[in-house]
Amino acid sequence: MAQRSEEQIIQGILEGNRLCFQSVFSDYYDRLCQYAFTILRDMDESEDLVQTMFVKWWEKREEIMINQTVKAYLYRSVYNLCMNQLEHRQVKKKHLDHSIHEWANEKQLPEVFPNELEESISSAINQLPEQCKIIFKMSRYDELRYTEIADKLGISPNTVENQISKALKILRTQLDIFVQR
């Protein structure tokens, strides 16, 4: 695209020129994915986000006014989407934490000896699938954030979140039986 000016590229895309769009996509896709990864720390999520941004740009090309360079527009768009994604993660985490807190407050624990309850919880945790158990313990006992766990284990924060949700679901089921005795 070196032979075309910024204005020609923007105008070409505005008019539906697929070659202009494909050229911009080819020039920036990998760099934008890397940029999103520096913010999100999850390559799959970063790639999805960048693809979504390009799709939305193409679909709304007639409505979008670009008053800067294409590069600046693309990086700003990816940055904004990353910030929205991080905010969404926080909302999901707060909702999950709130749900756990509500569940704990709703349950009336029977008259049990503290050691018996502790043993039941420990036993239930030890019965979790191995990766699930490791992640759950790192989160609850080591008090590590999802991103810290993901970095230590070489997995994505989404995987950590999914494993924590899975662990909590299993523990709820196992401890419900104990609580209802």
N, C-alpha and C. Protein backbone atom coordinates (compact mmCIF):
# COMPACT_ATOMS: atom_id res chain seq x y z
N MET A 1 0.82 -1.20 0.00
CA MET A 1 0.00 0.00 0.00
C MET A 1 0.85 1.25 0.00
N ALA A 2 2.15 1.14 -0.14
CA ALA A 2 3.04 2.30 -0.08
C ALA A 2 2.70 3.32 -1.15
N GLN A 3 2.19 2.87 -2.30
CA GLN A 3 1.89 3.80 -3.38
C GLN A 3 0.59 4.58 -3.16
N ARG A 4 -0.20 4.20 -2.18
CA ARG A 4 -1.45 4.91 -1.90
C ARG A 4 -1.29 5.78 -0.67
N SER A 5 -1.92 6.92 -0.68
CA SER A 5 -1.89 7.81 0.47
C SER A 5 -2.89 7.33 1.51
N GLU A 6 -2.76 7.85 2.72
CA GLU A 6 -3.71 7.53 3.79
C GLU A 6 -5.13 7.84 3.34
N GLU A 7 -5.30 8.98 2.71
CA GLU A 7 -6.64 9.39 2.27
C GLU A 7 -7.21 8.41 1.24
N GLN A 8 -6.35 7.94 0.34
CA GLN A 8 -6.79 6.99 -0.68
C GLN A 8 -7.17 5.64 -0.04
N ILE A 9 -6.41 5.23 0.95
CA ILE A 9 -6.71 3.96 1.64
C ILE A 9 -8.05 4.08 2.36
N ILE A 10 -8.20 5.16 3.11
CA ILE A 10 -9.44 5.36 3.87
C ILE A 10 -10.62 5.47 2.92
N GLN A 11 -10.47 6.22 1.84
CA GLN A 11 -11.54 6.38 0.86
C GLN A 11 -11.85 5.05 0.18
N GLY A 12 -10.81 4.28 -0.14
CA GLY A 12 -11.01 2.98 -0.77
C GLY A 12 -11.82 2.05 0.12
N ILE A 13 -11.49 2.02 1.40
CA ILE A 13 -12.22 1.17 2.33
C ILE A 13 -13.64 1.67 2.48
N LEU A 14 -13.80 2.97 2.60
CA LEU A 14 -15.13 3.59 2.71
C LEU A 14 -16.02 3.18 1.53
N GLU A 15 -15.42 3.09 0.36
CA GLU A 15 -16.16 2.73 -0.85
C GLU A 15 -16.30 1.21 -1.03
N GLY A 16 -15.75 0.43 -0.11
CA GLY A 16 -15.91 -1.02 -0.18
C GLY A 16 -14.83 -1.73 -0.99
N ASN A 17 -13.69 -1.09 -1.19
CA ASN A 17 -12.59 -1.71 -1.93
C ASN A 17 -11.93 -2.77 -1.04
N ARG A 18 -12.20 -4.02 -1.37
CA ARG A 18 -11.69 -5.14 -0.57
C ARG A 18 -10.17 -5.24 -0.61
N LEU A 19 -9.56 -4.88 -1.73
CA LEU A 19 -8.10 -4.95 -1.82
C LEU A 19 -7.44 -3.97 -0.86
N CYS A 20 -8.00 -2.77 -0.73
CA CYS A 20 -7.47 -1.80 0.24
C CYS A 20 -7.60 -2.37 1.65
N PHE A 21 -8.76 -2.92 1.93
CA PHE A 21 -9.00 -3.46 3.27
C PHE A 21 -8.08 -4.64 3.56
N GLN A 22 -7.96 -5.56 2.60
CA GLN A 22 -7.10 -6.73 2.79
C GLN A 22 -5.64 -6.31 2.98
N SER A 23 -5.24 -5.28 2.28
CA SER A 23 -3.87 -4.79 2.42
C SER A 23 -3.63 -4.24 3.82
N VAL A 24 -4.56 -3.47 4.34
CA VAL A 24 -4.44 -2.92 5.69
C VAL A 24 -4.45 -4.07 6.70
N PHE A 25 -5.36 -5.02 6.48
CA PHE A 25 -5.44 -6.18 7.37
C PHE A 25 -4.10 -6.91 7.40
N SER A 26 -3.55 -7.20 6.24
CA SER A 26 -2.27 -7.92 6.15
C SER A 26 -1.13 -7.15 6.80
N ASP A 27 -1.13 -5.83 6.61
CA ASP A 27 -0.06 -5.00 7.16
C ASP A 27 -0.11 -4.92 8.69
N TYR A 28 -1.29 -4.93 9.26
CA TYR A 28 -1.42 -4.62 10.69
C TYR A 28 -1.87 -5.77 11.59
N TYR A 29 -2.45 -6.82 11.04
CA TYR A 29 -3.05 -7.86 11.88
C TYR A 29 -2.07 -8.41 12.93
N ASP A 30 -0.91 -8.88 12.52
CA ASP A 30 0.03 -9.49 13.46
C ASP A 30 0.50 -8.49 14.52
N ARG A 31 0.79 -7.28 14.08
CA ARG A 31 1.26 -6.25 15.03
C ARG A 31 0.18 -5.89 16.04
N LEU A 32 -1.06 -5.82 15.57
CA LEU A 32 -2.16 -5.50 16.48
C LEU A 32 -2.42 -6.64 17.47
N CYS A 33 -2.26 -7.87 17.00
CA CYS A 33 -2.41 -9.02 17.92
C CYS A 33 -1.35 -8.97 19.00
N GLN A 34 -0.13 -8.66 18.63
CA GLN A 34 0.95 -8.56 19.62
C GLN A 34 0.68 -7.42 20.61
N TYR A 35 0.19 -6.31 20.09
CA TYR A 35 -0.14 -5.17 20.94
C TYR A 35 -1.25 -5.54 21.93
N ALA A 36 -2.29 -6.18 21.44
CA ALA A 36 -3.40 -6.60 22.32
C ALA A 36 -2.90 -7.60 23.36
N PHE A 37 -1.98 -8.46 22.96
CA PHE A 37 -1.43 -9.45 23.89
C PHE A 37 -0.69 -8.77 25.04
N THR A 38 0.00 -7.67 24.77
CA THR A 38 0.71 -6.97 25.85
C THR A 38 -0.26 -6.44 26.89
N ILE A 39 -1.49 -6.24 26.51
CA ILE A 39 -2.50 -5.73 27.45
C ILE A 39 -3.27 -6.89 28.08
N LEU A 40 -3.72 -7.83 27.27
CA LEU A 40 -4.61 -8.90 27.75
C LEU A 40 -3.87 -10.12 28.29
N ARG A 41 -2.65 -10.36 27.82
CA ARG A 41 -1.86 -11.52 28.22
C ARG A 41 -2.52 -12.85 27.84
N ASP A 42 -3.25 -12.84 26.73
CA ASP A 42 -3.91 -14.04 26.24
C ASP A 42 -3.97 -13.92 24.72
N MET A 43 -3.18 -14.74 24.04
CA MET A 43 -3.08 -14.61 22.58
C MET A 43 -4.37 -14.96 21.87
N ASP A 44 -5.07 -16.00 22.31
CA ASP A 44 -6.34 -16.35 21.65
C ASP A 44 -7.34 -15.20 21.77
N GLU A 45 -7.43 -14.66 22.96
CA GLU A 45 -8.34 -13.54 23.19
C GLU A 45 -7.91 -12.32 22.37
N SER A 46 -6.60 -12.09 22.27
CA SER A 46 -6.08 -10.97 21.50
C SER A 46 -6.42 -11.11 20.02
N GLU A 47 -6.23 -12.31 19.49
CA GLU A 47 -6.54 -12.55 18.07
C GLU A 47 -8.04 -12.38 17.81
N ASP A 48 -8.86 -12.89 18.70
CA ASP A 48 -10.31 -12.74 18.55
C ASP A 48 -10.70 -11.26 18.56
N LEU A 49 -10.11 -10.52 19.47
CA LEU A 49 -10.42 -9.11 19.60
C LEU A 49 -10.03 -8.34 18.33
N VAL A 50 -8.84 -8.60 17.81
CA VAL A 50 -8.37 -7.90 16.60
C VAL A 50 -9.25 -8.28 15.40
N GLN A 51 -9.58 -9.55 15.28
CA GLN A 51 -10.46 -9.97 14.18
C GLN A 51 -11.81 -9.28 14.29
N THR A 52 -12.35 -9.21 15.50
CA THR A 52 -13.63 -8.56 15.72
C THR A 52 -13.55 -7.09 15.34
N MET A 53 -12.45 -6.44 15.70
CA MET A 53 -12.27 -5.03 15.37
C MET A 53 -12.28 -4.82 13.85
N PHE A 54 -11.56 -5.68 13.12
CA PHE A 54 -11.53 -5.55 11.66
C PHE A 54 -12.91 -5.81 11.06
N VAL A 55 -13.62 -6.81 11.55
CA VAL A 55 -14.96 -7.12 11.03
C VAL A 55 -15.89 -5.93 11.25
N LYS A 56 -15.86 -5.37 12.47
CA LYS A 56 -16.73 -4.22 12.76
C LYS A 56 -16.37 -3.03 11.90
N TRP A 57 -15.07 -2.83 11.69
CA TRP A 57 -14.65 -1.70 10.86
C TRP A 57 -15.18 -1.88 9.43
N TRP A 58 -15.07 -3.10 8.89
CA TRP A 58 -15.57 -3.34 7.54
C TRP A 58 -17.08 -3.15 7.47
N GLU A 59 -17.79 -3.72 8.45
CA GLU A 59 -19.25 -3.62 8.45
C GLU A 59 -19.75 -2.19 8.61
N LYS A 60 -19.02 -1.38 9.37
CA LYS A 60 -19.46 -0.01 9.65
C LYS A 60 -18.58 1.02 8.94
N ARG A 61 -17.90 0.60 7.89
CA ARG A 61 -16.94 1.47 7.20
C ARG A 61 -17.56 2.77 6.71
N GLU A 62 -18.86 2.74 6.35
CA GLU A 62 -19.50 3.95 5.85
C GLU A 62 -19.84 4.93 6.96
N GLU A 63 -19.89 4.44 8.19
CA GLU A 63 -20.25 5.29 9.34
C GLU A 63 -19.03 5.83 10.08
N ILE A 64 -17.90 5.17 9.93
CA ILE A 64 -16.71 5.52 10.72
C ILE A 64 -15.94 6.64 10.04
N MET A 65 -15.69 7.66 10.83
CA MET A 65 -14.88 8.78 10.35
C MET A 65 -13.48 8.64 10.95
N ILE A 66 -12.49 8.53 10.10
CA ILE A 66 -11.10 8.41 10.56
C ILE A 66 -10.42 9.75 10.33
N ASN A 67 -10.10 10.42 11.42
CA ASN A 67 -9.49 11.75 11.34
C ASN A 67 -8.01 11.72 11.69
N GLN A 68 -7.41 10.56 11.59
CA GLN A 68 -6.00 10.38 11.90
C GLN A 68 -5.45 9.36 10.92
N THR A 69 -4.27 8.86 11.17
CA THR A 69 -3.73 7.83 10.29
C THR A 69 -4.47 6.52 10.53
N VAL A 70 -4.42 5.64 9.55
CA VAL A 70 -5.04 4.33 9.69
C VAL A 70 -4.40 3.60 10.87
N LYS A 71 -3.09 3.69 10.97
CA LYS A 71 -2.36 3.03 12.05
C LYS A 71 -2.86 3.54 13.41
N ALA A 72 -2.96 4.84 13.57
CA ALA A 72 -3.42 5.41 14.85
C ALA A 72 -4.85 4.96 15.16
N TYR A 73 -5.70 4.95 14.13
CA TYR A 73 -7.09 4.51 14.32
C TYR A 73 -7.14 3.05 14.78
N LEU A 74 -6.37 2.19 14.12
CA LEU A 74 -6.38 0.77 14.45
C LEU A 74 -5.85 0.51 15.87
N TYR A 75 -4.75 1.13 16.21
CA TYR A 75 -4.19 0.92 17.55
C TYR A 75 -5.12 1.47 18.63
N ARG A 76 -5.74 2.61 18.37
CA ARG A 76 -6.67 3.18 19.35
C ARG A 76 -7.89 2.27 19.50
N SER A 77 -8.37 1.74 18.39
CA SER A 77 -9.52 0.83 18.44
C SER A 77 -9.20 -0.42 19.25
N VAL A 78 -8.03 -1.01 18.99
CA VAL A 78 -7.63 -2.21 19.72
C VAL A 78 -7.45 -1.88 21.21
N TYR A 79 -6.84 -0.75 21.50
CA TYR A 79 -6.66 -0.35 22.90
C TYR A 79 -8.01 -0.25 23.61
N ASN A 80 -8.95 0.42 22.99
CA ASN A 80 -10.27 0.59 23.60
C ASN A 80 -10.97 -0.75 23.81
N LEU A 81 -10.88 -1.63 22.82
CA LEU A 81 -11.48 -2.96 22.97
C LEU A 81 -10.81 -3.75 24.09
N CYS A 82 -9.49 -3.63 24.21
CA CYS A 82 -8.77 -4.31 25.29
C CYS A 82 -9.23 -3.79 26.65
N MET A 83 -9.38 -2.48 26.77
CA MET A 83 -9.83 -1.90 28.04
C MET A 83 -11.24 -2.40 28.38
N ASN A 84 -12.10 -2.48 27.37
CA ASN A 84 -13.45 -3.02 27.59
C ASN A 84 -13.38 -4.48 28.04
N GLN A 85 -12.48 -5.25 27.43
CA GLN A 85 -12.34 -6.66 27.77
C GLN A 85 -11.84 -6.82 29.21
N LEU A 86 -10.87 -6.01 29.61
CA LEU A 86 -10.37 -6.07 30.98
C LEU A 86 -11.46 -5.70 31.98
N GLU A 87 -12.25 -4.70 31.63
CA GLU A 87 -13.37 -4.30 32.49
C GLU A 87 -14.39 -5.44 32.59
N HIS A 88 -14.65 -6.09 31.47
CA HIS A 88 -15.58 -7.22 31.44
C HIS A 88 -15.08 -8.36 32.33
N ARG A 89 -13.77 -8.62 32.29
CA ARG A 89 -13.19 -9.65 33.16
C ARG A 89 -13.44 -9.32 34.63
N GLN A 90 -13.25 -8.05 34.97
CA GLN A 90 -13.44 -7.63 36.37
C GLN A 90 -14.90 -7.81 36.79
N VAL A 91 -15.82 -7.46 35.90
CA VAL A 91 -17.24 -7.61 36.21
C VAL A 91 -17.56 -9.09 36.43
N LYS A 92 -17.05 -9.96 35.55
CA LYS A 92 -17.29 -11.39 35.70
C LYS A 92 -16.72 -11.91 37.01
N LYS A 93 -15.51 -11.46 37.36
CA LYS A 93 -14.89 -11.91 38.60
C LYS A 93 -15.69 -11.43 39.80
N LYS A 94 -16.13 -10.18 39.79
CA LYS A 94 -16.94 -9.66 40.90
C LYS A 94 -18.24 -10.43 41.02
N HIS A 95 -18.85 -10.73 39.89
CA HIS A 95 -20.10 -11.49 39.90
C HIS A 95 -19.88 -12.88 40.49
N LEU A 96 -18.80 -13.53 40.07
CA LEU A 96 -18.48 -14.86 40.58
C LEU A 96 -18.22 -14.79 42.09
N ASP A 97 -17.42 -13.82 42.51
CA ASP A 97 -17.13 -13.67 43.95
C ASP A 97 -18.41 -13.39 44.73
N HIS A 98 -19.27 -12.55 44.18
CA HIS A 98 -20.53 -12.22 44.84
C HIS A 98 -21.41 -13.47 44.94
N SER A 99 -21.46 -14.24 43.88
CA SER A 99 -22.26 -15.46 43.89
C SER A 99 -21.77 -16.44 44.96
N ILE A 100 -20.47 -16.57 45.06
CA ILE A 100 -19.90 -17.46 46.06
C ILE A 100 -20.25 -16.97 47.46
N HIS A 101 -20.11 -15.66 47.65
CA HIS A 101 -20.42 -15.08 48.96
C HIS A 101 -21.90 -15.28 49.31
N GLU A 102 -22.78 -15.04 48.34
CA GLU A 102 -24.22 -15.23 48.57
C GLU A 102 -24.53 -16.69 48.90
N TRP A 103 -23.91 -17.60 48.15
CA TRP A 103 -24.13 -19.02 48.39
C TRP A 103 -23.71 -19.40 49.80
N ALA A 104 -22.54 -18.89 50.20
CA ALA A 104 -22.02 -19.21 51.54
C ALA A 104 -22.94 -18.66 52.63
N ASN A 105 -23.50 -17.48 52.40
CA ASN A 105 -24.37 -16.87 53.40
C ASN A 105 -25.73 -17.55 53.48
N GLU A 106 -26.17 -18.16 52.39
CA GLU A 106 -27.48 -18.81 52.37
C GLU A 106 -27.47 -20.14 53.11
N LYS A 107 -26.34 -20.78 53.17
CA LYS A 107 -26.26 -22.11 53.76
C LYS A 107 -26.19 -22.00 55.28
N GLN A 108 -27.02 -22.76 55.93
CA GLN A 108 -26.95 -22.88 57.38
C GLN A 108 -26.13 -24.12 57.68
N LEU A 109 -24.98 -23.91 58.25
CA LEU A 109 -24.13 -25.06 58.55
C LEU A 109 -24.69 -25.84 59.72
N PRO A 110 -24.68 -27.12 59.62
CA PRO A 110 -25.18 -27.94 60.72
C PRO A 110 -24.22 -27.87 61.90
N GLU A 111 -24.68 -28.36 63.00
CA GLU A 111 -23.82 -28.44 64.17
C GLU A 111 -22.77 -29.51 63.89
N VAL A 112 -21.58 -29.07 63.57
CA VAL A 112 -20.50 -30.02 63.32
C VAL A 112 -19.27 -29.56 64.07
N PHE A 113 -18.40 -30.47 64.25
CA PHE A 113 -17.13 -30.10 64.84
C PHE A 113 -16.31 -29.40 63.78
N PRO A 114 -15.59 -28.34 64.16
CA PRO A 114 -14.79 -27.60 63.17
C PRO A 114 -13.84 -28.50 62.39
N ASN A 115 -13.24 -29.47 63.07
CA ASN A 115 -12.30 -30.36 62.37
C ASN A 115 -13.00 -31.19 61.31
N GLU A 116 -14.23 -31.61 61.59
CA GLU A 116 -14.97 -32.42 60.63
C GLU A 116 -15.27 -31.61 59.37
N LEU A 117 -15.68 -30.37 59.55
CA LEU A 117 -15.96 -29.49 58.41
C LEU A 117 -14.68 -29.23 57.62
N GLU A 118 -13.61 -28.93 58.32
CA GLU A 118 -12.33 -28.68 57.66
C GLU A 118 -11.86 -29.90 56.88
N GLU A 119 -12.02 -31.07 57.48
CA GLU A 119 -11.63 -32.31 56.79
C GLU A 119 -12.48 -32.53 55.54
N SER A 120 -13.77 -32.23 55.63
CA SER A 120 -14.64 -32.40 54.47
C SER A 120 -14.25 -31.46 53.34
N ILE A 121 -13.93 -30.23 53.69
CA ILE A 121 -13.51 -29.25 52.67
C ILE A 121 -12.20 -29.71 52.05
N SER A 122 -11.25 -30.08 52.88
CA SER A 122 -9.95 -30.54 52.39
C SER A 122 -10.11 -31.77 51.50
N SER A 123 -10.95 -32.69 51.91
CA SER A 123 -11.19 -33.90 51.13
C SER A 123 -11.82 -33.56 49.77
N ALA A 124 -12.79 -32.64 49.79
CA ALA A 124 -13.45 -32.24 48.54
C ALA A 124 -12.45 -31.59 47.60
N ILE A 125 -11.58 -30.75 48.12
CA ILE A 125 -10.56 -30.09 47.28
C ILE A 125 -9.61 -31.13 46.70
N ASN A 126 -9.21 -32.09 47.51
CA ASN A 126 -8.27 -33.11 47.04
C ASN A 126 -8.87 -34.04 45.99
N GLN A 127 -10.19 -34.08 45.89
CA GLN A 127 -10.84 -34.92 44.89
C GLN A 127 -11.01 -34.20 43.55
N LEU A 128 -10.66 -32.91 43.50
CA LEU A 128 -10.77 -32.17 42.24
C LEU A 128 -9.78 -32.73 41.22
N PRO A 129 -10.08 -32.58 39.93
CA PRO A 129 -9.09 -32.95 38.90
C PRO A 129 -7.78 -32.19 39.18
N GLU A 130 -6.67 -32.76 38.82
CA GLU A 130 -5.36 -32.26 39.23
C GLU A 130 -5.14 -30.78 38.88
N GLN A 131 -5.32 -30.40 37.62
CA GLN A 131 -5.09 -29.01 37.24
C GLN A 131 -6.06 -28.08 37.97
N CYS A 132 -7.28 -28.52 38.08
CA CYS A 132 -8.32 -27.76 38.77
C CYS A 132 -7.92 -27.52 40.23
N LYS A 133 -7.42 -28.57 40.87
CA LYS A 133 -7.01 -28.49 42.28
C LYS A 133 -5.84 -27.53 42.44
N ILE A 134 -4.85 -27.64 41.59
CA ILE A 134 -3.66 -26.77 41.67
C ILE A 134 -4.06 -25.32 41.52
N ILE A 135 -4.87 -25.03 40.52
CA ILE A 135 -5.30 -23.66 40.26
C ILE A 135 -6.15 -23.14 41.41
N PHE A 136 -7.05 -23.95 41.91
CA PHE A 136 -7.92 -23.53 43.01
C PHE A 136 -7.09 -23.19 44.25
N LYS A 137 -6.12 -24.05 44.58
CA LYS A 137 -5.28 -23.80 45.75
C LYS A 137 -4.44 -22.54 45.58
N MET A 138 -3.91 -22.33 44.36
CA MET A 138 -3.12 -21.12 44.11
C MET A 138 -3.97 -19.87 44.29
N SER A 139 -5.23 -19.97 43.86
CA SER A 139 -6.13 -18.83 43.97
C SER A 139 -6.56 -18.58 45.41
N ARG A 140 -7.01 -19.63 46.08
CA ARG A 140 -7.60 -19.46 47.41
C ARG A 140 -6.60 -19.46 48.55
N TYR A 141 -5.57 -20.30 48.47
CA TYR A 141 -4.63 -20.40 49.58
C TYR A 141 -3.42 -19.49 49.39
N ASP A 142 -2.91 -19.42 48.15
CA ASP A 142 -1.76 -18.55 47.89
C ASP A 142 -2.21 -17.13 47.57
N GLU A 143 -3.52 -16.95 47.36
CA GLU A 143 -4.13 -15.65 47.07
C GLU A 143 -3.51 -14.98 45.84
N LEU A 144 -3.27 -15.77 44.80
CA LEU A 144 -2.74 -15.23 43.56
C LEU A 144 -3.89 -14.82 42.64
N ARG A 145 -3.65 -13.78 41.86
CA ARG A 145 -4.64 -13.35 40.87
C ARG A 145 -4.60 -14.31 39.69
N TYR A 146 -5.69 -14.28 38.90
CA TYR A 146 -5.78 -15.18 37.75
C TYR A 146 -4.59 -15.01 36.81
N THR A 147 -4.20 -13.76 36.57
CA THR A 147 -3.08 -13.51 35.65
C THR A 147 -1.77 -14.05 36.22
N GLU A 148 -1.59 -13.97 37.53
CA GLU A 148 -0.38 -14.51 38.15
C GLU A 148 -0.34 -16.03 38.03
N ILE A 149 -1.48 -16.66 38.26
CA ILE A 149 -1.57 -18.12 38.13
C ILE A 149 -1.29 -18.51 36.69
N ALA A 150 -1.91 -17.79 35.76
CA ALA A 150 -1.72 -18.08 34.34
C ALA A 150 -0.24 -17.98 33.96
N ASP A 151 0.44 -16.94 34.44
CA ASP A 151 1.86 -16.77 34.13
C ASP A 151 2.70 -17.91 34.71
N LYS A 152 2.41 -18.29 35.95
CA LYS A 152 3.19 -19.36 36.60
C LYS A 152 2.98 -20.71 35.92
N LEU A 153 1.76 -20.97 35.43
CA LEU A 153 1.46 -22.26 34.83
C LEU A 153 1.57 -22.27 33.31
N GLY A 154 1.79 -21.11 32.72
CA GLY A 154 1.91 -21.03 31.26
C GLY A 154 0.60 -21.29 30.54
N ILE A 155 -0.51 -20.82 31.14
CA ILE A 155 -1.83 -20.98 30.53
C ILE A 155 -2.50 -19.62 30.47
N SER A 156 -3.66 -19.53 29.84
CA SER A 156 -4.34 -18.26 29.71
C SER A 156 -5.16 -17.95 30.97
N PRO A 157 -5.37 -16.67 31.26
CA PRO A 157 -6.24 -16.30 32.38
C PRO A 157 -7.65 -16.86 32.22
N ASN A 158 -8.11 -17.00 30.98
CA ASN A 158 -9.44 -17.60 30.76
C ASN A 158 -9.47 -19.05 31.22
N THR A 159 -8.39 -19.77 30.98
CA THR A 159 -8.31 -21.16 31.44
C THR A 159 -8.36 -21.20 32.97
N VAL A 160 -7.64 -20.27 33.59
CA VAL A 160 -7.66 -20.19 35.06
C VAL A 160 -9.08 -19.93 35.54
N GLU A 161 -9.73 -18.96 34.92
CA GLU A 161 -11.10 -18.61 35.31
C GLU A 161 -12.03 -19.81 35.14
N ASN A 162 -11.91 -20.52 34.03
CA ASN A 162 -12.75 -21.69 33.78
C ASN A 162 -12.49 -22.79 34.81
N GLN A 163 -11.22 -23.00 35.16
CA GLN A 163 -10.89 -24.04 36.13
C GLN A 163 -11.40 -23.68 37.53
N ILE A 164 -11.34 -22.40 37.88
CA ILE A 164 -11.87 -21.96 39.19
C ILE A 164 -13.38 -22.18 39.21
N SER A 165 -14.06 -21.81 38.14
CA SER A 165 -15.51 -22.01 38.07
C SER A 165 -15.85 -23.49 38.18
N LYS A 166 -15.08 -24.33 37.50
CA LYS A 166 -15.30 -25.78 37.55
C LYS A 166 -15.09 -26.28 38.97
N ALA A 167 -14.03 -25.82 39.62
CA ALA A 167 -13.74 -26.25 41.00
C ALA A 167 -14.87 -25.85 41.93
N LEU A 168 -15.34 -24.63 41.80
CA LEU A 168 -16.40 -24.16 42.69
C LEU A 168 -17.69 -24.93 42.48
N LYS A 169 -17.98 -25.26 41.24
CA LYS A 169 -19.18 -26.04 40.95
C LYS A 169 -19.09 -27.43 41.60
N ILE A 170 -17.94 -28.06 41.45
CA ILE A 170 -17.73 -29.38 42.04
C ILE A 170 -17.80 -29.30 43.56
N LEU A 171 -17.13 -28.30 44.13
CA LEU A 171 -17.11 -28.17 45.59
C LEU A 171 -18.50 -27.89 46.15
N ARG A 172 -19.26 -27.04 45.44
CA ARG A 172 -20.63 -26.77 45.88
C ARG A 172 -21.43 -28.06 45.96
N THR A 173 -21.32 -28.87 44.92
CA THR A 173 -22.05 -30.14 44.89
C THR A 173 -21.62 -31.04 46.04
N GLN A 174 -20.33 -31.20 46.22
CA GLN A 174 -19.83 -32.08 47.26
C GLN A 174 -20.14 -31.56 48.66
N LEU A 175 -20.03 -30.26 48.87
CA LEU A 175 -20.27 -29.71 50.20
C LEU A 175 -21.75 -29.54 50.49
N ASP A 176 -22.58 -29.41 49.46
CA ASP A 176 -24.03 -29.38 49.68
C ASP A 176 -24.48 -30.68 50.33
N ILE A 177 -23.93 -31.78 49.84
CA ILE A 177 -24.27 -33.08 50.42
C ILE A 177 -23.87 -33.10 51.90
N PHE A 178 -22.68 -32.58 52.20
CA PHE A 178 -22.20 -32.55 53.58
C PHE A 178 -23.08 -31.66 54.44
N VAL A 179 -23.43 -30.49 53.93
CA VAL A 179 -24.22 -29.52 54.69
C VAL A 179 -25.63 -30.04 54.95
N GLN A 180 -26.18 -30.84 54.05
CA GLN A 180 -27.56 -31.31 54.20
C GLN A 180 -27.67 -32.56 55.05
N ARG A 181 -26.58 -33.09 55.54
CA ARG A 181 -26.65 -34.31 56.36
C ARG A 181 -27.51 -34.13 57.57
